[in-house]
Protein backbone atom coordinates (compact mmCIF):
# COMPACT_ATOMS: atom_id res chain seq x y z
CA MET A 1 -47.85 -2.70 34.31
CA ALA A 2 -49.15 -1.15 31.19
CA LEU A 3 -47.83 -4.42 29.57
CA LEU A 4 -50.10 -6.40 32.15
CA GLN A 5 -53.03 -4.35 31.60
CA ALA A 6 -53.05 -4.35 27.73
CA GLY A 7 -52.63 -8.35 28.17
CA CYS A 8 -49.58 -8.43 26.35
CA GLY A 9 -47.25 -11.63 27.03
CA PHE A 10 -43.67 -10.82 27.69
CA GLU A 11 -40.34 -12.29 28.85
CA ALA A 12 -39.17 -10.41 31.87
CA VAL A 13 -35.51 -10.27 32.26
CA GLU A 14 -33.93 -9.47 35.71
CA VAL A 15 -30.72 -7.20 35.36
CA SER A 16 -28.06 -6.06 37.83
CA LEU A 17 -27.46 -2.44 36.75
CA ARG A 18 -23.87 -2.77 38.48
CA ASN A 19 -22.95 -5.66 35.98
CA LYS A 20 -24.91 -4.85 32.73
CA PRO A 21 -25.15 -8.05 30.54
CA ALA A 22 -23.84 -7.73 26.82
CA SER A 23 -27.56 -8.54 25.72
CA LEU A 24 -28.64 -5.37 27.61
CA LEU A 25 -25.96 -3.42 26.17
CA ALA A 26 -26.55 -4.96 22.65
CA LEU A 27 -30.04 -3.96 22.89
CA SER A 28 -29.70 -0.59 24.17
CA PRO A 29 -26.42 1.31 24.31
CA LYS A 30 -27.56 3.63 27.01
CA ALA A 31 -27.96 0.44 28.97
CA THR A 32 -30.72 1.76 31.41
CA VAL A 33 -34.03 -0.27 32.56
CA PRO A 34 -36.76 -0.69 30.89
CA VAL A 35 -35.74 -2.05 27.46
CA LEU A 36 -38.55 -3.58 25.46
CA GLN A 37 -37.55 -5.55 22.64
CA LEU A 38 -40.38 -6.44 20.02
CA PRO A 39 -41.12 -9.25 17.87
CA ASP A 40 -39.75 -7.49 14.75
CA GLY A 41 -36.22 -6.68 16.75
CA SER A 42 -36.88 -3.43 17.11
CA VAL A 43 -36.51 -1.69 20.60
CA ILE A 44 -38.29 0.89 22.77
CA GLU A 45 -36.19 2.22 25.51
CA GLU A 46 -38.50 4.70 27.54
CA SER A 47 -41.15 3.98 30.00
CA TRP A 48 -43.78 6.29 28.60
CA ASP A 49 -42.92 4.70 24.95
CA ILE A 50 -43.33 0.82 26.33
CA MET A 51 -46.80 2.34 27.58
CA ARG A 52 -47.93 4.13 24.50
CA TRP A 53 -46.72 0.95 22.24
CA ALA A 54 -49.05 -1.44 24.77
CA LEU A 55 -52.05 0.48 25.83
CA ALA A 56 -52.40 2.77 22.14
CA THR A 57 -53.24 -0.51 20.27
CA LEU A 58 -54.81 -2.81 22.68
CA ASP A 59 -56.46 -0.50 25.31
CA ALA A 60 -60.33 -1.69 25.11
CA GLN A 61 -60.55 0.13 28.51
CA GLY A 62 -59.17 3.27 27.82
CA TRP A 63 -55.94 3.80 29.92
CA TRP A 64 -53.96 5.43 27.50
CA ALA A 65 -56.80 7.76 25.97
CA ARG A 66 -57.49 9.24 29.77
CA ALA A 67 -53.84 9.91 29.87
CA GLN A 68 -53.98 12.26 27.13
CA THR A 69 -55.34 15.21 28.90
CA PRO A 70 -53.30 18.46 29.12
CA GLU A 71 -53.17 17.98 32.78
CA ASN A 72 -52.28 14.28 32.76
CA LEU A 73 -49.52 15.05 30.41
CA ASP A 74 -48.09 17.60 32.43
CA LEU A 75 -47.91 15.54 35.58
CA VAL A 76 -45.96 13.00 33.70
CA GLN A 77 -43.73 15.95 32.18
CA ARG A 78 -43.59 17.33 35.81
CA ASN A 79 -42.54 13.41 37.23
CA ASP A 80 -39.99 12.85 34.68
CA GLY A 81 -38.29 16.22 34.80
CA ASP A 82 -38.18 18.35 37.75
CA PHE A 83 -39.57 15.98 40.41
CA LYS A 84 -37.28 12.93 39.47
CA HIS A 85 -34.45 15.51 39.56
CA HIS A 86 -35.16 16.26 43.11
CA LEU A 87 -36.01 12.59 44.25
CA ASP A 88 -32.72 11.63 42.80
CA ARG A 89 -30.98 14.18 45.00
CA TRP A 90 -32.44 13.41 48.15
CA LYS A 91 -32.60 9.66 47.80
CA TYR A 92 -28.56 9.70 46.98
CA PRO A 93 -27.34 12.64 48.72
CA GLN A 94 -23.89 11.15 48.60
CA ARG A 95 -23.96 11.28 44.73
CA TYR A 96 -24.82 14.96 44.64
CA ALA A 97 -22.71 16.30 47.88
CA SER A 98 -21.27 19.01 45.68
CA GLU A 99 -24.39 20.71 44.57
CA ALA A 100 -26.03 23.57 46.73
CA LEU A 101 -29.27 22.54 47.62
CA THR A 102 -29.06 19.80 50.97
CA PRO A 103 -31.17 16.91 50.76
CA ASP A 104 -34.01 17.95 52.63
CA ALA A 105 -34.55 21.21 50.52
CA ASN A 106 -34.39 18.73 47.68
CA ARG A 107 -37.09 16.60 49.21
CA ASP A 108 -39.30 19.89 49.75
CA ARG A 109 -39.03 21.00 46.15
CA ALA A 110 -40.04 17.66 45.25
CA LEU A 111 -43.09 17.99 47.38
CA ASP A 112 -43.75 21.37 45.56
CA VAL A 113 -43.07 20.27 42.03
CA LEU A 114 -45.47 17.43 42.28
CA LEU A 115 -46.80 15.80 45.04
CA ARG A 116 -48.98 18.68 46.47
CA THR A 117 -50.35 18.93 42.94
CA LEU A 118 -51.21 14.96 43.05
CA GLU A 119 -52.60 15.55 46.37
CA ALA A 120 -55.26 18.04 45.22
CA ARG A 121 -56.13 16.20 42.05
CA LEU A 122 -56.60 13.31 44.35
CA GLN A 123 -58.86 14.87 46.74
CA GLY A 124 -61.65 14.89 44.07
CA THR A 125 -61.04 11.59 42.47
CA PRO A 126 -59.57 8.14 43.15
CA PHE A 127 -57.07 8.09 40.02
CA LEU A 128 -55.55 10.52 37.88
CA GLY A 129 -57.79 9.04 35.15
CA GLY A 130 -60.80 10.09 37.02
CA SER A 131 -62.81 7.20 38.71
CA THR A 132 -61.06 4.80 36.79
CA PRO A 133 -57.05 4.63 36.37
CA CYS A 134 -54.99 5.57 33.28
CA ALA A 135 -51.57 5.22 31.99
CA THR A 136 -50.74 8.45 33.95
CA ASP A 137 -51.19 6.24 37.29
CA LEU A 138 -49.04 3.77 35.78
CA ALA A 139 -46.12 6.16 35.13
CA VAL A 140 -46.28 8.23 38.27
CA MET A 141 -46.93 5.61 40.95
CA PRO A 142 -43.31 3.81 40.81
CA PHE A 143 -41.59 7.39 41.51
CA VAL A 144 -44.10 8.42 44.16
CA ARG A 145 -43.31 5.06 45.91
CA GLN A 146 -39.68 5.76 45.84
CA PHE A 147 -40.05 9.10 47.68
CA ALA A 148 -41.99 7.57 50.13
CA ASN A 149 -39.24 4.94 50.67
CA VAL A 150 -36.58 7.37 51.31
CA ASP A 151 -37.94 8.32 54.80
CA PRO A 152 -41.22 6.35 55.31
CA ALA A 153 -41.95 7.84 58.99
CA TRP A 154 -41.02 11.25 57.59
CA PHE A 155 -43.55 10.62 54.80
CA ALA A 156 -46.67 9.38 57.12
CA THR A 157 -46.30 13.18 58.53
CA VAL A 158 -46.94 15.00 55.70
CA HIS A 159 -50.51 16.24 55.14
CA LEU A 160 -51.13 14.22 51.83
CA PRO A 161 -53.61 12.05 52.86
CA SER A 162 -55.33 11.37 49.51
CA LEU A 163 -51.82 10.79 47.86
CA ARG A 164 -51.16 8.12 50.43
CA THR A 165 -54.75 6.61 50.01
CA TRP A 166 -54.19 6.32 46.32
CA LEU A 167 -50.39 5.10 46.65
CA ASN A 168 -51.34 2.54 49.13
CA GLY A 169 -54.05 0.94 46.77
CA TRP A 170 -51.75 0.91 44.07
CA LEU A 171 -49.15 -1.05 46.52
CA VAL A 172 -51.82 -3.78 46.71
CA ASN A 173 -53.02 -3.64 43.33
CA PRO A 174 -52.53 -6.98 41.33
CA LEU A 175 -50.70 -5.22 38.64
CA PHE A 176 -48.18 -3.78 40.96
CA THR A 177 -47.85 -6.88 42.67
CA ALA A 178 -47.52 -9.19 39.57
CA CYS A 179 -44.81 -7.00 38.39
CA MET A 180 -42.88 -6.90 41.95
CA TYR A 181 -42.56 -10.82 41.55
CA LYS A 182 -38.62 -11.12 42.10
CA LEU A 183 -36.96 -12.89 39.45
CA PRO A 184 -33.72 -14.93 40.17
CA ALA A 185 -30.73 -12.67 39.44
CA GLU A 186 -30.07 -12.84 35.72
CA GLY A 187 -33.11 -14.66 35.24
CA SER A 188 -36.24 -14.55 33.28
CA ASN A 189 -39.88 -15.33 33.42
CA ARG A 190 -42.91 -15.37 30.94
CA PHE A 191 -45.61 -12.78 32.02
CA PRO A 192 -48.27 -12.53 32.86
CA PRO A 193 -47.83 -14.80 35.61
CA SER A 194 -50.70 -17.85 35.95
CA GLY A 195 -53.72 -16.78 37.55
CA PHE A 196 -53.49 -12.76 36.89
């Protein structure tokens, strides 16, 4: 989404993490996604770093600058740290069956670590960047979406109205819908898509 927002053209390649292609392993030995290879051959392997590269240089609308407040940087750190830790254990309980916390306890910790803070922030403003979005919105939204999709019926009952409104707005946002374009398995496509 940050690459699209910055107006960067790029080639997206669909990768099956169950069958990692040699081309991915050659670019990034850690073999996780996303991975961005720049025109000069250098590689960026972390989402936040890709966002920094795209938005710090091509950011006429200030998406990167608005994400640099202490509050927004704290949200990114919480998201990438404790929230993702508990989200993984709620989403994939079979992988963590030997750990002490139950899936529901991890779900509740994820709520406390990040989602209630997001709810409080979004009660006073439509985006984490204030009246307009910022890179923090882009960094956090996919993980909130994952959390909501683990048990949508349960998520609908939790008192997080501002967070739900924010999430629902992103789910229909052209930046998100363009990124969710399904590529053929192991296929690629040039971005931005026509009409974006």
